[in-house]
Amino acid sequence: MARPLRPEPKFFLSPRSAEEYPAYLERFFATRGEATVLGEKSTSYSDDPSAPERIESLLSGFRAVFLLRDPIARALSNYSFSRDHGLEDLDPGPALKTGEDRPLDLMAAGVSTQPRDYIRRGRYIDTLEHWQSKIGRDRILVLLRKVIQSSAQSQNDIRLRSENVFPLRHVCGHIEEPL
């Protein structure tokens, strides 16, 4: 698994990902050895409508894992991140109400997705339906963070299931936070 770096790899957001793929493997998976499954955590993939096709073009048959957290907790965490990084100057109430109406210039802000889309980014069904339309339901695994954290036993069950469900070369996913 590629380490969840800050910033995250976000490799498949680039239109040049095909050309840069060998360098990406070397940078993030240099110690992969004989690994048959590789994975990466980049939350921005869920916000880029082209990401599924871009990934598929290089990793035909890839599987996507979406680890979802409570949308309210996600929105507040997103707000705190934006505030802490100088991307938000409003108090939480007004910021959450008006975030989508106050987009930032992504290049100027140095971000890959609209940091003020606090509510929209928690509408997981929209993202999941888009990804399903692009790669099919059978290649998507949706996990709820709260369920996974509830017990060590459930974490072991998930690991065992994942080994059986994802016997392919690569797994790319949208994971809100590392476990």
Foldseek 3Di string as FASTA:
>chain_A
DFPCDVVFPCLLVDPCSVVCVVVVCCVRPVVVPPAQEAEGEHQCLLVDLCSLVSCCVPFPPAAEEEAAEDLVVQLVVLVVVCVVLVNDDDDPPVLLVCLVVDFDDCVVSVHSDGSSPSNVSNPVVVSVVSSCVRNNPLRYHYHYPVVCVPDPVVVVVVVVVCVVSGSGRYYYYHYSDDD
